[in-house]
Amino acid sequence: MIAVRFISFFALLALALNFASAKIEVVEVASPSMKKSIKNVVVTPTYYEQDSDRRYPVVYLLHGHGGNHMSWV
């Protein structure tokens, strides 16, 4: 259990250091079922636009009730 926490800590640390040079944008997506636009945060690495052939993993985080689009940033 300690090893898992240790690895998780360093994975999160590496991710946080990568975010230090990331591009963060707020975009609005139309939701027909909710009849309104929903704000979303998109985080991409700095080199994302220069390396268009590379594929990147995607993570979707839902803030839940009481939060907003900035809760995970």
N, C-alpha and C. Protein backbone atom coordinates (compact mmCIF):
# COMPACT_ATOMS: atom_id res chain seq x y z
N MET A 1 0.82 -1.20 0.00
CA MET A 1 0.00 0.00 0.00
C MET A 1 0.87 1.26 0.00
N ILE A 2 1.94 1.23 0.76
CA ILE A 2 2.83 2.40 0.82
C ILE A 2 3.50 2.61 -0.54
N ALA A 3 3.88 1.51 -1.20
CA ALA A 3 4.51 1.64 -2.51
C ALA A 3 3.57 2.27 -3.52
N VAL A 4 2.30 1.92 -3.47
CA VAL A 4 1.32 2.50 -4.38
C VAL A 4 1.18 4.00 -4.13
N ARG A 5 1.11 4.40 -2.89
CA ARG A 5 1.02 5.82 -2.54
C ARG A 5 2.28 6.57 -2.99
N PHE A 6 3.43 5.93 -2.79
CA PHE A 6 4.70 6.53 -3.18
C PHE A 6 4.75 6.76 -4.68
N ILE A 7 4.36 5.75 -5.45
CA ILE A 7 4.34 5.87 -6.92
C ILE A 7 3.31 6.91 -7.35
N SER A 8 2.14 6.90 -6.71
CA SER A 8 1.09 7.87 -7.05
C SER A 8 1.57 9.29 -6.78
N PHE A 9 2.28 9.49 -5.67
CA PHE A 9 2.79 10.82 -5.35
C PHE A 9 3.71 11.33 -6.45
N PHE A 10 4.65 10.48 -6.90
CA PHE A 10 5.59 10.91 -7.93
C PHE A 10 4.91 11.07 -9.28
N ALA A 11 3.90 10.27 -9.55
CA ALA A 11 3.16 10.44 -10.80
C ALA A 11 2.44 11.79 -10.79
N LEU A 12 1.81 12.13 -9.68
CA LEU A 12 1.14 13.43 -9.56
C LEU A 12 2.14 14.58 -9.60
N LEU A 13 3.29 14.40 -8.99
CA LEU A 13 4.33 15.43 -9.02
C LEU A 13 4.81 15.67 -10.46
N ALA A 14 5.05 14.59 -11.20
CA ALA A 14 5.48 14.72 -12.59
C ALA A 14 4.40 15.41 -13.41
N LEU A 15 3.15 15.06 -13.16
CA LEU A 15 2.03 15.69 -13.87
C LEU A 15 1.96 17.18 -13.54
N ALA A 16 2.14 17.52 -12.28
CA ALA A 16 2.09 18.92 -11.87
C ALA A 16 3.21 19.72 -12.51
N LEU A 17 4.40 19.15 -12.58
CA LEU A 17 5.51 19.85 -13.21
C LEU A 17 5.26 20.03 -14.71
N ASN A 18 4.60 19.06 -15.32
CA ASN A 18 4.26 19.18 -16.73
C ASN A 18 3.22 20.28 -16.94
N PHE A 19 2.27 20.41 -16.00
CA PHE A 19 1.25 21.46 -16.09
C PHE A 19 1.85 22.85 -15.97
N ALA A 20 3.02 22.94 -15.34
CA ALA A 20 3.65 24.25 -15.18
C ALA A 20 3.95 24.88 -16.54
N SER A 21 4.14 24.05 -17.55
CA SER A 21 4.41 24.58 -18.88
C SER A 21 3.25 24.30 -19.84
N ALA A 22 2.07 24.01 -19.29
CA ALA A 22 0.92 23.66 -20.12
C ALA A 22 0.13 24.90 -20.53
N LYS A 23 -0.68 24.72 -21.56
CA LYS A 23 -1.59 25.77 -22.02
C LYS A 23 -2.98 25.43 -21.48
N ILE A 24 -3.62 26.38 -20.83
CA ILE A 24 -4.94 26.16 -20.26
C ILE A 24 -5.93 27.11 -20.92
N GLU A 25 -7.00 26.53 -21.47
CA GLU A 25 -8.03 27.32 -22.15
C GLU A 25 -9.40 26.96 -21.59
N VAL A 26 -10.30 27.93 -21.57
CA VAL A 26 -11.70 27.69 -21.23
C VAL A 26 -12.49 27.77 -22.53
N VAL A 27 -13.21 26.69 -22.84
CA VAL A 27 -14.02 26.65 -24.05
C VAL A 27 -15.47 26.37 -23.66
N GLU A 28 -16.39 26.81 -24.49
CA GLU A 28 -17.81 26.55 -24.25
C GLU A 28 -18.32 25.55 -25.28
N VAL A 29 -19.06 24.56 -24.79
CA VAL A 29 -19.64 23.54 -25.65
C VAL A 29 -21.15 23.58 -25.50
N ALA A 30 -21.85 23.64 -26.62
CA ALA A 30 -23.32 23.68 -26.58
C ALA A 30 -23.86 22.33 -26.11
N SER A 31 -24.81 22.38 -25.19
CA SER A 31 -25.48 21.17 -24.70
C SER A 31 -26.95 21.25 -25.06
N PRO A 32 -27.36 20.56 -26.14
CA PRO A 32 -28.77 20.60 -26.54
C PRO A 32 -29.72 20.08 -25.45
N SER A 33 -29.31 19.05 -24.73
CA SER A 33 -30.19 18.49 -23.71
C SER A 33 -30.38 19.44 -22.52
N MET A 34 -29.35 20.25 -22.20
CA MET A 34 -29.47 21.21 -21.10
C MET A 34 -29.91 22.58 -21.60
N LYS A 35 -29.95 22.74 -22.93
CA LYS A 35 -30.36 24.00 -23.57
C LYS A 35 -29.50 25.19 -23.13
N LYS A 36 -28.19 24.95 -23.03
CA LYS A 36 -27.26 26.02 -22.70
C LYS A 36 -25.84 25.61 -23.06
N SER A 37 -24.93 26.55 -23.01
CA SER A 37 -23.52 26.26 -23.24
C SER A 37 -22.86 25.91 -21.92
N ILE A 38 -21.98 24.92 -21.96
CA ILE A 38 -21.28 24.46 -20.77
C ILE A 38 -19.80 24.83 -20.91
N LYS A 39 -19.24 25.49 -19.89
CA LYS A 39 -17.82 25.84 -19.92
C LYS A 39 -16.99 24.61 -19.54
N ASN A 40 -15.88 24.44 -20.26
CA ASN A 40 -14.95 23.34 -20.04
C ASN A 40 -13.53 23.88 -20.03
N VAL A 41 -12.66 23.24 -19.27
CA VAL A 41 -11.25 23.61 -19.25
C VAL A 41 -10.48 22.57 -20.04
N VAL A 42 -9.65 23.03 -20.97
CA VAL A 42 -8.82 22.15 -21.78
C VAL A 42 -7.36 22.46 -21.45
N VAL A 43 -6.62 21.43 -21.03
CA VAL A 43 -5.20 21.59 -20.70
C VAL A 43 -4.40 20.79 -21.71
N THR A 44 -3.50 21.47 -22.41
CA THR A 44 -2.64 20.81 -23.40
C THR A 44 -1.19 21.14 -23.10
N PRO A 45 -0.27 20.21 -23.44
CA PRO A 45 1.15 20.51 -23.25
C PRO A 45 1.60 21.66 -24.14
N THR A 46 2.64 22.34 -23.76
CA THR A 46 3.15 23.48 -24.51
C THR A 46 3.43 23.13 -25.97
N TYR A 47 3.98 21.96 -26.21
CA TYR A 47 4.38 21.55 -27.55
C TYR A 47 3.24 20.89 -28.34
N TYR A 48 2.03 20.90 -27.84
CA TYR A 48 0.88 20.23 -28.46
C TYR A 48 0.64 20.68 -29.90
N GLU A 49 0.64 21.97 -30.15
CA GLU A 49 0.35 22.49 -31.49
C GLU A 49 1.48 22.23 -32.48
N GLN A 50 2.72 22.15 -32.01
CA GLN A 50 3.84 21.91 -32.91
C GLN A 50 3.95 20.44 -33.33
N ASP A 51 3.45 19.53 -32.50
CA ASP A 51 3.58 18.10 -32.75
C ASP A 51 2.21 17.51 -33.07
N SER A 52 1.65 17.86 -34.24
CA SER A 52 0.29 17.47 -34.58
C SER A 52 0.13 15.98 -34.90
N ASP A 53 1.21 15.28 -35.18
CA ASP A 53 1.12 13.85 -35.49
C ASP A 53 1.08 12.97 -34.23
N ARG A 54 1.49 13.51 -33.13
CA ARG A 54 1.55 12.74 -31.88
C ARG A 54 0.15 12.59 -31.29
N ARG A 55 -0.13 11.42 -30.73
CA ARG A 55 -1.41 11.17 -30.06
C ARG A 55 -1.21 11.30 -28.56
N TYR A 56 -2.17 11.90 -27.88
CA TYR A 56 -2.07 12.14 -26.45
C TYR A 56 -3.22 11.45 -25.72
N PRO A 57 -2.97 10.98 -24.51
CA PRO A 57 -4.06 10.42 -23.72
C PRO A 57 -5.01 11.54 -23.27
N VAL A 58 -6.25 11.19 -23.02
CA VAL A 58 -7.25 12.17 -22.60
C VAL A 58 -7.83 11.74 -21.25
N VAL A 59 -8.01 12.71 -20.37
CA VAL A 59 -8.65 12.47 -19.08
C VAL A 59 -9.81 13.44 -18.95
N TYR A 60 -10.99 12.92 -18.65
CA TYR A 60 -12.17 13.74 -18.43
C TYR A 60 -12.47 13.75 -16.94
N LEU A 61 -12.56 14.92 -16.34
CA LEU A 61 -12.85 15.04 -14.92
C LEU A 61 -14.15 15.81 -14.73
N LEU A 62 -15.08 15.22 -14.02
CA LEU A 62 -16.36 15.86 -13.74
C LEU A 62 -16.34 16.39 -12.32
N HIS A 63 -16.64 17.68 -12.15
CA HIS A 63 -16.55 18.29 -10.83
C HIS A 63 -17.67 17.86 -9.90
N GLY A 64 -18.80 17.46 -10.40
CA GLY A 64 -19.91 17.05 -9.54
C GLY A 64 -20.76 18.24 -9.12
N HIS A 65 -21.76 17.97 -8.33
CA HIS A 65 -22.69 19.01 -7.89
C HIS A 65 -21.99 19.99 -6.95
N GLY A 66 -22.19 21.24 -7.16
CA GLY A 66 -21.62 22.25 -6.28
C GLY A 66 -20.29 22.81 -6.76
N GLY A 67 -19.70 22.22 -7.77
CA GLY A 67 -18.44 22.72 -8.31
C GLY A 67 -18.70 23.47 -9.61
N ASN A 68 -17.61 23.84 -10.26
CA ASN A 68 -17.74 24.46 -11.58
C ASN A 68 -16.56 24.02 -12.44
N HIS A 69 -16.48 24.56 -13.64
CA HIS A 69 -15.45 24.13 -14.59
C HIS A 69 -14.03 24.39 -14.11
N MET A 70 -13.84 25.23 -13.13
CA MET A 70 -12.49 25.53 -12.62
C MET A 70 -12.11 24.69 -11.41
N SER A 71 -12.98 23.80 -10.96
CA SER A 71 -12.72 23.02 -9.75
C SER A 71 -11.47 22.14 -9.84
N TRP A 72 -11.13 21.64 -11.01
CA TRP A 72 -9.99 20.74 -11.16
C TRP A 72 -8.70 21.47 -11.55
N VAL A 73 -8.77 22.77 -11.78
CA VAL A 73 -7.57 23.50 -12.22
C VAL A 73 -6.84 24.06 -11.04
